[in-house]
C-alpha atoms as a PDB file:
ATOM      1  CA  ASP A   1      -4.709   7.682  -8.108  1.00  0.00           C
ATOM      2  CA  CYS A   2      -1.396   8.446  -9.766  1.00  0.00           C
ATOM      3  CA  PRO A   3      -1.195  12.266  -9.898  1.00  0.00           C
ATOM      4  CA  ILE A   4       0.220  12.160 -13.428  1.00  0.00           C
ATOM      5  CA  CYS A   5      -1.879   9.661 -15.394  1.00  0.00           C
ATOM      6  CA  CYS A   6      -4.841   9.886 -12.963  1.00  0.00           C
ATOM      7  CA  ILE A   7      -5.319   6.095 -13.124  1.00  0.00           C
ATOM      8  CA  PRO A   8      -5.943   4.255  -9.820  1.00  0.00           C
ATOM      9  CA  LEU A   9      -2.789   2.909  -8.204  1.00  0.00           C
ATOM     10  CA  SER A  10      -2.344  -0.817  -7.736  1.00  0.00           C
ATOM     11  CA  ILE A  11      -2.439  -2.079  -4.147  1.00  0.00           C
ATOM     12  CA  ASP A  12       0.848  -3.828  -4.985  1.00  0.00           C
ATOM     13  CA  ALA A  13       3.454  -1.519  -3.407  1.00  0.00           C
ATOM     14  CA  GLN A  14       6.046  -2.573  -6.003  1.00  0.00           C
ATOM     15  CA  LYS A  15       3.985  -0.947  -8.751  1.00  0.00           C
ATOM     16  CA  SER A  16       4.288   2.611  -7.450  1.00  0.00           C
ATOM     17  CA  ILE A  17       6.957   4.793  -5.891  1.00  0.00           C
ATOM     18  CA  LEU A  18       6.818   7.582  -3.317  1.00  0.00           C
ATOM     19  CA  MET A  19       8.630  10.721  -4.446  1.00  0.00           C
ATOM     20  CA  ALA A  20      10.466  11.986  -1.355  1.00  0.00           C
ATOM     21  CA  CYS A  21      10.530  15.577  -2.627  1.00  0.00           C
ATOM     22  CA  CYS A  22       6.745  16.051  -2.818  1.00  0.00           C
ATOM     23  CA  CYS A  23       5.549  12.758  -1.258  1.00  0.00           C
ATOM     24  CA  LYS A  24       3.324  11.993  -4.224  1.00  0.00           C
ATOM     25  CA  MET A  25       2.822   8.326  -5.015  1.00  0.00           C
ATOM     26  CA  VAL A  26       3.558   7.871  -8.726  1.00  0.00           C
ATOM     27  CA  CYS A  27       2.912   4.685 -10.699  1.00  0.00           C
ATOM     28  CA  VAL A  28       5.864   2.835 -12.222  1.00  0.00           C
ATOM     29  CA  GLY A  29       4.483   3.516 -15.696  1.00  0.00           C
ATOM     30  CA  CYS A  30       4.764   7.283 -15.341  1.00  0.00           C
ATOM     31  CA  ASN A  31       8.070   7.042 -13.498  1.00  0.00           C
ATOM     32  CA  ILE A  32       9.748   4.874 -16.154  1.00  0.00           C
ATOM     33  CA  ALA A  33       8.261   6.957 -18.982  1.00  0.00           C
ATOM     34  CA  ASN A  34       9.734  10.073 -17.375  1.00  0.00           C
ATOM     35  CA  GLN A  35      13.158   8.436 -16.982  1.00  0.00           C
ATOM     36  CA  LYS A  36      13.183   7.280 -20.611  1.00  0.00           C
ATOM     37  CA  ARG A  37      12.321  10.787 -21.841  1.00  0.00           C
ATOM     38  CA  GLU A  38      15.070  12.306 -19.715  1.00  0.00           C
ATOM     39  CA  VAL A  39      17.634   9.861 -21.103  1.00  0.00           C
ATOM     40  CA  GLN A  40      16.539  10.395 -24.708  1.00  0.00           C
ATOM     41  CA  GLU A  41      16.656  14.184 -24.363  1.00  0.00           C
ATOM     42  CA  SER A  42      19.769  14.254 -22.137  1.00  0.00           C
ATOM     43  CA  MET A  43      17.836  15.924 -19.339  1.00  0.00           C
ATOM     44  CA  GLU A  44      18.567  16.011 -15.618  1.00  0.00           C
ATOM     45  CA  ASN A  45      16.801  13.316 -13.623  1.00  0.00           C
ATOM     46  CA  LYS A  46      13.887  14.983 -11.836  1.00  0.00           C
ATOM     47  CA  CYS A  47      10.680  14.053 -10.065  1.00  0.00           C
ATOM     48  CA  PRO A  48       7.995  13.326 -12.684  1.00  0.00           C
ATOM     49  CA  PHE A  49       5.472  15.328 -10.667  1.00  0.00           C
ATOM     50  CA  CYS A  50       7.071  18.384  -9.048  1.00  0.00           C
ATOM     51  CA  ARG A  51      10.267  18.406 -11.165  1.00  0.00           C
ATOM     52  CA  HIS A  52      12.527  18.614  -8.139  1.00  0.00           C
ATOM     53  CA  PRO A  53      15.982  17.111  -8.835  1.00  0.00           C
ATOM     54  CA  ALA A  54      16.021  13.416  -7.960  1.00  0.00           C
ATOM     55  CA  PRO A  55      18.004  12.429  -4.849  1.00  0.00           C
ATOM     56  CA  TYR A  56      21.274  10.626  -5.494  1.00  0.00           C
ATOM     57  CA  ASN A  57      21.406   8.642  -2.256  1.00  0.00           C
ATOM     58  CA  GLU A  58      19.463   7.674   0.852  1.00  0.00           C
ATOM     59  CA  LYS A  59      20.786  10.673   2.770  1.00  0.00           C
ATOM     60  CA  GLU A  60      19.232  13.073   0.260  1.00  0.00           C
ATOM     61  CA  VAL A  61      15.979  11.093   0.351  1.00  0.00           C
ATOM     62  CA  LYS A  62      15.808  11.518   4.121  1.00  0.00           C
ATOM     63  CA  ILE A  63      16.589  15.250   3.856  1.00  0.00           C
ATOM     64  CA  ASN A  64      13.665  15.634   1.437  1.00  0.00           C
ATOM     65  CA  LEU A  65      11.400  13.629   3.742  1.00  0.00           C
ATOM     66  CA  MET A  66      12.344  15.791   6.717  1.00  0.00           C
ATOM     67  CA  ARG A  67      11.339  18.890   4.750  1.00  0.00           C
ATOM     68  CA  ARG A  68       7.942  17.334   4.141  1.00  0.00           C
ATOM     69  CA  ILE A  69       7.650  16.236   7.774  1.00  0.00           C
ATOM     70  CA  GLU A  70       8.231  19.845   8.851  1.00  0.00           C
ATOM     71  CA  VAL A  71       5.030  20.804   7.016  1.00  0.00           C
ATOM     72  CA  ASN A  72       3.114  17.874   8.589  1.00  0.00           C
ATOM     73  CA  ASP A  73       2.983  15.574   5.565  1.00  0.00           C
ATOM     74  CA  PRO A  74       1.705  12.209   6.877  1.00  0.00           C
ATOM     75  CA  ALA A  75       3.049  10.308   3.862  1.00  0.00           C
ATOM     76  CA  ALA A  76       6.559  11.562   4.683  1.00  0.00           C
ATOM     77  CA  MET A  77       6.135  10.551   8.323  1.00  0.00           C
ATOM     78  CA  ARG A  78       5.032   7.076   7.315  1.00  0.00           C
ATOM     79  CA  GLN A  79       7.961   6.698   4.924  1.00  0.00           C
ATOM     80  CA  MET A  80      10.437   7.904   7.537  1.00  0.00           C
ATOM     81  CA  GLY A  81       8.906   5.400   9.942  1.00  0.00           C
ATOM     82  CA  GLN A  82       9.594   2.647   7.445  1.00  0.00           C
ATOM     83  CA  PHE A  83      13.220   3.765   7.168  1.00  0.00           C
ATOM     84  CA  CYS A  84      13.478   3.607  10.957  1.00  0.00           C
ATOM     85  CA  TYR A  85      11.912   0.148  11.036  1.00  0.00           C
ATOM     86  CA  TYR A  86      14.259  -1.380   8.467  1.00  0.00           C
ATOM     87  CA  GLU A  87      17.216   0.168  10.285  1.00  0.00           C
ATOM     88  CA  GLY A  88      16.121  -1.572  13.491  1.00  0.00           C
ATOM     89  CA  ASP A  89      14.821   1.587  15.196  1.00  0.00           C
ATOM     90  CA  HIS A  90      11.390   0.232  16.064  1.00  0.00           C
ATOM     91  CA  ARG A  91      10.661   2.994  18.569  1.00  0.00           C
ATOM     92  CA  GLY A  92      11.416   5.614  15.943  1.00  0.00           C
ATOM     93  CA  ALA A  93       9.133   3.766  13.550  1.00  0.00           C
ATOM     94  CA  PHE A  94       6.358   3.743  16.141  1.00  0.00           C
ATOM     95  CA  GLU A  95       6.678   7.487  16.754  1.00  0.00           C
ATOM     96  CA  ASN A  96       6.592   8.355  13.055  1.00  0.00           C
ATOM     97  CA  PHE A  97       3.705   5.989  12.302  1.00  0.00           C
ATOM     98  CA  SER A  98       1.776   7.410  15.265  1.00  0.00           C
ATOM     99  CA  LYS A  99       2.160  10.994  14.026  1.00  0.00           C
ATOM    100  CA  ALA A 100       1.072   9.991  10.523  1.00  0.00           C
ATOM    101  CA  ALA A 101      -1.899   8.043  11.893  1.00  0.00           C
ATOM    102  CA  GLU A 102      -3.007  11.052  13.933  1.00  0.00           C
ATOM    103  CA  LEU A 103      -3.175  12.948  10.644  1.00  0.00           C
ATOM    104  CA  GLY A 104      -5.404  10.242   9.169  1.00  0.00           C
ATOM    105  CA  ASN A 105      -2.943   8.188   7.131  1.00  0.00           C
ATOM    106  CA  ALA A 106      -4.512   4.748   6.654  1.00  0.00           C
ATOM    107  CA  GLY A 107      -1.198   3.116   5.765  1.00  0.00           C
ATOM    108  CA  ALA A 108       0.320   4.338   9.022  1.00  0.00           C
ATOM    109  CA  HIS A 109      -2.577   2.845  10.984  1.00  0.00           C
ATOM    110  CA  TYR A 110      -1.937  -0.487   9.256  1.00  0.00           C
ATOM    111  CA  LEU A 111       1.778  -0.372  10.076  1.00  0.00           C
ATOM    112  CA  LEU A 112       1.012   0.513  13.696  1.00  0.00           C
ATOM    113  CA  SER A 113      -1.215  -2.551  13.947  1.00  0.00           C
ATOM    114  CA  SER A 114       1.756  -4.676  12.931  1.00  0.00           C
ATOM    115  CA  LEU A 115       3.959  -3.119  15.639  1.00  0.00           C
ATOM    116  CA  TYR A 116       1.319  -3.809  18.290  1.00  0.00           C
ATOM    117  CA  ASP A 117       0.954  -7.354  16.988  1.00  0.00           C
ATOM    118  CA  LYS A 118       4.690  -8.086  17.166  1.00  0.00           C
ATOM    119  CA  GLY A 119       5.507  -5.930  20.179  1.00  0.00           C
ATOM    120  CA  GLU A 120       8.143  -3.983  18.258  1.00  0.00           C
ATOM    121  CA  GLY A 121       8.842  -0.508  19.625  1.00  0.00           C
ATOM    122  CA  VAL A 122       5.818  -0.853  21.874  1.00  0.00           C
ATOM    123  CA  LYS A 123       4.208  -3.454  24.150  1.00  0.00           C
ATOM    124  CA  LYS A 124       2.070  -6.085  22.465  1.00  0.00           C
ATOM    125  CA  ASP A 125      -1.574  -5.042  22.661  1.00  0.00           C
ATOM    126  CA  GLU A 126      -4.283  -6.897  20.765  1.00  0.00           C
ATOM    127  CA  LYS A 127      -6.948  -4.250  21.402  1.00  0.00           C
ATOM    128  CA  LYS A 128      -4.765  -1.489  19.952  1.00  0.00           C
ATOM    129  CA  GLU A 129      -3.756  -3.770  17.091  1.00  0.00           C
ATOM    130  CA  VAL A 130      -7.407  -4.277  16.160  1.00  0.00           C
ATOM    131  CA  PHE A 131      -8.191  -0.581  16.671  1.00  0.00           C
ATOM    132  CA  HIS A 132      -5.536   0.446  14.159  1.00  0.00           C
ATOM    133  CA  LEU A 133      -6.630  -2.283  11.753  1.00  0.00           C
ATOM    134  CA  GLU A 134     -10.156  -0.909  11.931  1.00  0.00           C
ATOM    135  CA  GLN A 135      -8.978   2.657  11.344  1.00  0.00           C
ATOM    136  CA  ALA A 136      -6.874   1.532   8.389  1.00  0.00           C
ATOM    137  CA  ALA A 137      -9.778  -0.468   6.956  1.00  0.00           C
ATOM    138  CA  ILE A 138     -12.106   2.511   7.283  1.00  0.00           C
ATOM    139  CA  GLY A 139      -9.476   4.508   5.409  1.00  0.00           C
ATOM    140  CA  GLY A 140      -9.645   2.034   2.523  1.00  0.00           C
ATOM    141  CA  ASN A 141      -6.638  -0.184   3.230  1.00  0.00           C
ATOM    142  CA  PRO A 142      -7.420  -3.670   1.809  1.00  0.00           C
ATOM    143  CA  PHE A 143      -4.602  -5.381   3.726  1.00  0.00           C
ATOM    144  CA  ALA A 144      -6.026  -4.170   7.026  1.00  0.00           C
ATOM    145  CA  ARG A 145      -9.481  -5.320   5.936  1.00  0.00           C
ATOM    146  CA  ASN A 146      -8.119  -8.778   5.117  1.00  0.00           C
ATOM    147  CA  ASN A 147      -6.323  -8.954   8.489  1.00  0.00           C
ATOM    148  CA  LEU A 148      -9.591  -8.115  10.229  1.00  0.00           C
ATOM    149  CA  ALA A 149     -11.163 -11.011   8.345  1.00  0.00           C
ATOM    150  CA  ASN A 150      -8.436 -13.315   9.648  1.00  0.00           C
ATOM    151  CA  PHE A 151      -8.983 -12.002  13.182  1.00  0.00           C
ATOM    152  CA  GLU A 152     -12.721 -12.641  12.977  1.00  0.00           C
ATOM    153  CA  THR A 153     -12.128 -16.142  11.609  1.00  0.00           C
ATOM    154  CA  LEU A 154      -9.832 -16.998  14.525  1.00  0.00           C
ATOM    155  CA  ASN A 155     -12.550 -15.843  16.889  1.00  0.00           C
ATOM    156  CA  GLY A 156     -15.246 -17.931  15.207  1.00  0.00           C
ATOM    157  CA  ARG A 157     -17.136 -14.975  13.706  1.00  0.00           C
ATOM    158  CA  HIS A 158     -17.136 -16.337  10.186  1.00  0.00           C
ATOM    159  CA  ASP A 159     -20.022 -14.215   8.927  1.00  0.00           C
ATOM    160  CA  ARG A 160     -18.154 -11.027   9.821  1.00  0.00           C
ATOM    161  CA  ALA A 161     -14.961 -12.420   8.301  1.00  0.00           C
ATOM    162  CA  VAL A 162     -16.753 -12.970   4.998  1.00  0.00           C
ATOM    163  CA  LYS A 163     -18.012  -9.370   4.978  1.00  0.00           C
ATOM    164  CA  HIS A 164     -14.485  -8.085   5.461  1.00  0.00           C
ATOM    165  CA  CYS A 165     -13.217 -10.362   2.678  1.00  0.00           C
ATOM    166  CA  ILE A 166     -15.885  -9.129   0.277  1.00  0.00           C
ATOM    167  CA  ILE A 167     -14.837  -5.520   0.835  1.00  0.00           C
ATOM    168  CA  ALA A 168     -11.125  -6.358   0.514  1.00  0.00           C
ATOM    169  CA  ALA A 169     -11.689  -8.415  -2.629  1.00  0.00           C
ATOM    170  CA  LYS A 170     -13.570  -5.552  -4.269  1.00  0.00           C
ATOM    171  CA  LEU A 171     -10.502  -3.388  -3.579  1.00  0.00           C
ATOM    172  CA  GLY A 172      -8.365  -5.852  -5.528  1.00  0.00           C
ATOM    173  CA  HIS A 173      -6.964  -8.001  -2.698  1.00  0.00           C
ATOM    174  CA  ASP A 174      -6.109 -11.461  -4.074  1.00  0.00           C
ATOM    175  CA  ASP A 175      -5.901 -13.348  -0.758  1.00  0.00           C
ATOM    176  CA  ALA A 176      -9.314 -12.063   0.290  1.00  0.00           C
ATOM    177  CA  LEU A 177     -10.770 -13.360  -2.960  1.00  0.00           C
ATOM    178  CA  GLU A 178      -9.171 -16.767  -2.384  1.00  0.00           C
ATOM    179  CA  SER A 179     -10.726 -16.874   1.099  1.00  0.00           C
ATOM    180  CA  LEU A 180     -14.126 -16.152  -0.433  1.00  0.00           C
ATOM    181  CA  LYS A 181     -13.637 -18.981  -2.920  1.00  0.00           C
ATOM    182  CA  LEU A 182     -13.046 -21.367  -0.028  1.00  0.00           C
ATOM    183  CA  SER A 183     -16.025 -19.987   1.877  1.00  0.00           C
ATOM    184  CA  TYR A 184     -18.247 -20.417  -1.153  1.00  0.00           C
ATOM    185  CA  ALA A 185     -17.035 -23.959  -1.799  1.00  0.00           C
ATOM    186  CA  TYR A 186     -16.974 -25.254   1.782  1.00  0.00           C
ATOM    187  CA  GLY A 187     -18.603 -22.608   3.966  1.00  0.00           C
ATOM    188  CA  LYS A 188     -22.120 -24.062   3.937  1.00  0.00           C
ATOM    189  CA  GLY A 189     -23.969 -20.871   3.149  1.00  0.00           C
ATOM    190  CA  LEU A 190     -21.485 -18.344   4.555  1.00  0.00           C
ATOM    191  CA  ILE A 191     -21.623 -16.447   1.262  1.00  0.00           C
ATOM    192  CA  SER A 192     -24.411 -16.479  -1.296  1.00  0.00           C
ATOM    193  CA  LYS A 193     -23.913 -17.134  -4.979  1.00  0.00           C
ATOM    194  CA  GLU A 194     -24.919 -13.537  -5.722  1.00  0.00           C
ATOM    195  CA  ASP A 195     -22.481 -12.015  -3.221  1.00  0.00           C
ATOM    196  CA  PHE A 196     -19.661 -14.259  -4.421  1.00  0.00           C
ATOM    197  CA  ALA A 197     -20.311 -13.291  -8.041  1.00  0.00           C
ATOM    198  CA  ALA A 198     -20.379  -9.606  -7.080  1.00  0.00           C
ATOM    199  CA  ALA A 199     -17.056  -9.989  -5.261  1.00  0.00           C
ATOM    200  CA  LEU A 200     -15.495 -11.658  -8.322  1.00  0.00           C
ATOM    201  CA  ARG A 201     -16.704  -8.853 -10.586  1.00  0.00           C
ATOM    202  CA  GLY A 202     -15.588  -6.191  -8.136  1.00  0.00           C
ATOM    203  CA  HIS A 203     -12.125  -7.702  -7.808  1.00  0.00           C
ATOM    204  CA  GLN A 204     -11.661  -7.898 -11.571  1.00  0.00           C
ATOM    205  CA  THR A 205     -12.912  -4.334 -12.005  1.00  0.00           C
ATOM    206  CA  ALA A 206     -10.481  -3.065  -9.361  1.00  0.00           C
ATOM    207  CA  VAL A 207      -7.546  -4.875 -10.979  1.00  0.00           C
ATOM    208  CA  ASN A 208      -8.447  -3.772 -14.512  1.00  0.00           C
ATOM    209  CA  ALA A 209      -8.811  -0.151 -13.397  1.00  0.00           C
ATOM    210  CA  THR A 210      -5.108  -0.038 -12.495  1.00  0.00           C
ATOM    211  CA  LYS A 211      -3.859  -1.207 -15.899  1.00  0.00           C
ATOM    212  CA  SER A 212      -2.430   0.989 -18.648  1.00  0.00           C
ATOM    213  CA  PRO A 213      -0.062   0.585 -21.610  1.00  0.00           C
ATOM    214  CA  ALA A 214       2.607   2.635 -19.778  1.00  0.00           C
ATOM    215  CA  ARG A 215       2.406   0.403 -16.713  1.00  0.00           C
ATOM    216  CA  GLU A 216       2.580  -2.753 -18.813  1.00  0.00           C
ATOM    217  CA  ALA A 217       5.656  -1.333 -20.580  1.00  0.00           C
ATOM    218  CA  ALA A 218       7.260  -0.569 -17.207  1.00  0.00           C
ATOM    219  CA  GLU A 219       6.635  -4.119 -15.953  1.00  0.00           C
ATOM    220  CA  ALA A 220       8.133  -5.525 -19.167  1.00  0.00           C
ATOM    221  CA  PHE A 221      11.157  -3.258 -18.659  1.00  0.00           C
ATOM    222  CA  TYR A 222      11.663  -4.544 -15.103  1.00  0.00           C
ATOM    223  CA  GLN A 223      11.296  -8.140 -16.264  1.00  0.00           C
ATOM    224  CA  ARG A 224      14.010  -7.639 -18.891  1.00  0.00           C
ATOM    225  CA  GLN A 225      16.288  -6.169 -16.225  1.00  0.00           C
ATOM    226  CA  GLU A 226      15.719  -9.161 -13.940  1.00  0.00           C
ATOM    227  CA  LYS A 227      16.592 -11.583 -16.749  1.00  0.00           C
ATOM    228  CA  GLN A 228      19.782  -9.671 -17.525  1.00  0.00           C
ATOM    229  CA  GLN A 229      20.826  -9.738 -13.869  1.00  0.00           C
ATOM    230  CA  SER A 230      20.050 -13.441 -13.361  1.00  0.00           C
END
């Protein structure tokens, strides 16, 4: 949940932002609302949660993350791993993701599975890929759950794939829901009418739970910015 509005966060990573100072994941609604208030009242730009001054550049972001890493914050380790990855330092990404995963970060487990799948920063290893997908799925990561469904499908275990998709769909994962629609239409009994209906309701409930007027206002704000830039 967003620590400010206490509404569940969307699984869409673009609808929330990690504050490097405290490593709290804040929804875009609360973040934009805070920025608007600061502009209107001529206030210094600060974190909407801990009120630490906002970083002005990537260097300051990394300094803040390192402070959090020093106190064993797994979210900071995962974020630093992502910085390493996008900078081409796949080994550094692997090391940071591994530390975060050891501390139980589901997102780090999911990212590790991707490294083992692609052989980036580490040797390709399907068993370890699946292990980290399973750990991430247990931790509530819907993307890992959907990937497990794909893995089971490729191995002909369609009944297990459907179970994974049901869980992922109820967490709000769109692709998992689409897979269930196909299974219901063409799967010859792979999913019952009752289970399919429950998955549809669960998916809609999960999506609706993440909505708020502030978040809708933030999305409208971003859309206006995109139009102005295009």
